[in-house]
Amino acid sequence: MDHTSPRLRVFLSEPMGEKDVSWVDGISHELAINLVNKGINKAYILLGQFLLMHKNEAEFQRWLICCCGATECEAQQSSNCLKEWCACFL
């Protein structure tokens, strides 16, 4: 059974390109604003942070929660989205 959200399916349907950070599954409008204020305005920049953390989902989630104001649910969805994207394109 497929449990991916429509937003995740859209994100995984093509290379990252120049997508805004708000395209990442789990990134709410408020979290996107927080990320943009920290200089993370593109999805590939957020992916870079995920890769710098060696694709460690728990560490990435803690960073999103502590440094960017994400909820636990947002952090989980976002890390899963980036993990899935890496599995498809890297």
Protein backbone atom coordinates (compact mmCIF):
# COMPACT_ATOMS: atom_id res chain seq x y z
CA MET A 1 0.00 0.00 0.00
CA ASP A 2 1.32 3.43 -0.96
CA HIS A 3 1.45 5.82 2.01
CA THR A 4 3.13 8.77 0.29
CA SER A 5 1.36 12.09 0.38
CA PRO A 6 0.48 13.87 -2.86
CA ARG A 7 2.99 16.58 -1.95
CA LEU A 8 5.76 14.00 -1.51
CA ARG A 9 4.90 12.32 -4.81
CA VAL A 10 5.15 15.67 -6.62
CA PHE A 11 8.49 16.45 -4.97
CA LEU A 12 9.88 13.02 -5.89
CA SER A 13 8.60 13.18 -9.47
CA GLU A 14 11.51 15.24 -10.79
CA PRO A 15 15.00 16.53 -10.00
CA MET A 16 15.27 19.24 -7.35
CA GLY A 17 16.30 22.08 -9.63
CA GLU A 18 15.49 25.52 -8.22
CA LYS A 19 12.45 24.54 -6.13
CA ASP A 20 11.71 26.78 -3.18
CA VAL A 21 12.17 25.26 0.26
CA SER A 22 8.39 25.31 0.71
CA TRP A 23 8.13 22.48 -1.87
CA VAL A 24 9.71 20.02 0.57
CA ASP A 25 7.06 17.79 2.12
CA GLY A 26 6.54 18.76 5.76
CA ILE A 27 7.61 22.38 5.39
CA SER A 28 4.72 24.57 6.47
CA HIS A 29 4.37 28.23 5.50
CA GLU A 30 5.62 29.31 8.94
CA LEU A 31 8.61 26.95 8.87
CA ALA A 32 9.47 28.10 5.34
CA ILE A 33 9.59 31.69 6.61
CA ASN A 34 11.92 30.64 9.45
CA LEU A 35 14.17 28.80 7.01
CA VAL A 36 14.26 31.70 4.54
CA ASN A 37 15.21 34.03 7.41
CA LYS A 38 18.16 31.69 8.05
CA GLY A 39 19.21 31.87 4.38
CA ILE A 40 17.68 28.52 3.40
CA ASN A 41 15.37 29.59 0.60
CA LYS A 42 15.85 26.67 -1.81
CA ALA A 43 15.15 22.97 -1.38
CA TYR A 44 18.70 22.12 -2.51
CA ILE A 45 20.13 24.18 0.37
CA LEU A 46 18.02 22.21 2.86
CA LEU A 47 19.15 19.01 1.12
CA GLY A 48 22.74 20.20 1.57
CA GLN A 49 22.18 20.49 5.31
CA PHE A 50 20.72 16.97 5.33
CA LEU A 51 23.76 15.66 3.45
CA LEU A 52 26.18 17.52 5.76
CA MET A 53 24.57 15.57 8.58
CA HIS A 54 25.38 12.36 6.66
CA LYS A 55 21.66 11.72 6.00
CA ASN A 56 21.19 11.12 9.74
CA GLU A 57 17.46 11.68 10.07
CA ALA A 58 17.43 12.02 13.87
CA GLU A 59 20.17 14.65 13.83
CA PHE A 60 18.51 16.55 10.98
CA GLN A 61 15.16 16.47 12.77
CA ARG A 62 16.72 17.81 15.99
CA TRP A 63 18.35 20.61 14.00
CA LEU A 64 15.04 21.54 12.30
CA ILE A 65 13.23 21.56 15.64
CA CYS A 66 15.86 23.36 17.72
CA CYS A 67 17.29 25.79 15.18
CA CYS A 68 14.39 26.40 12.82
CA GLY A 69 11.24 26.02 14.92
CA ALA A 70 9.83 22.94 13.22
CA THR A 71 7.30 20.73 14.94
CA GLU A 72 8.18 17.07 15.43
CA CYS A 73 5.77 16.11 12.64
CA GLU A 74 7.26 18.68 10.24
CA ALA A 75 10.77 17.49 11.04
CA GLN A 76 9.86 13.84 10.45
CA GLN A 77 8.07 14.54 7.17
CA SER A 78 10.88 16.76 5.90
CA SER A 79 13.66 14.31 6.70
CA ASN A 80 11.67 11.48 5.14
CA CYS A 81 11.09 13.58 2.02
CA LEU A 82 14.80 14.33 1.63
CA LYS A 83 15.74 10.70 2.37
CA GLU A 84 13.31 9.48 -0.30
CA TRP A 85 14.57 12.08 -2.79
CA CYS A 86 18.17 10.90 -2.19
CA ALA A 87 17.09 7.28 -2.77
CA CYS A 88 15.56 8.28 -6.11
CA PHE A 89 18.20 10.68 -7.44
CA LEU A 90 21.57 10.03 -5.76
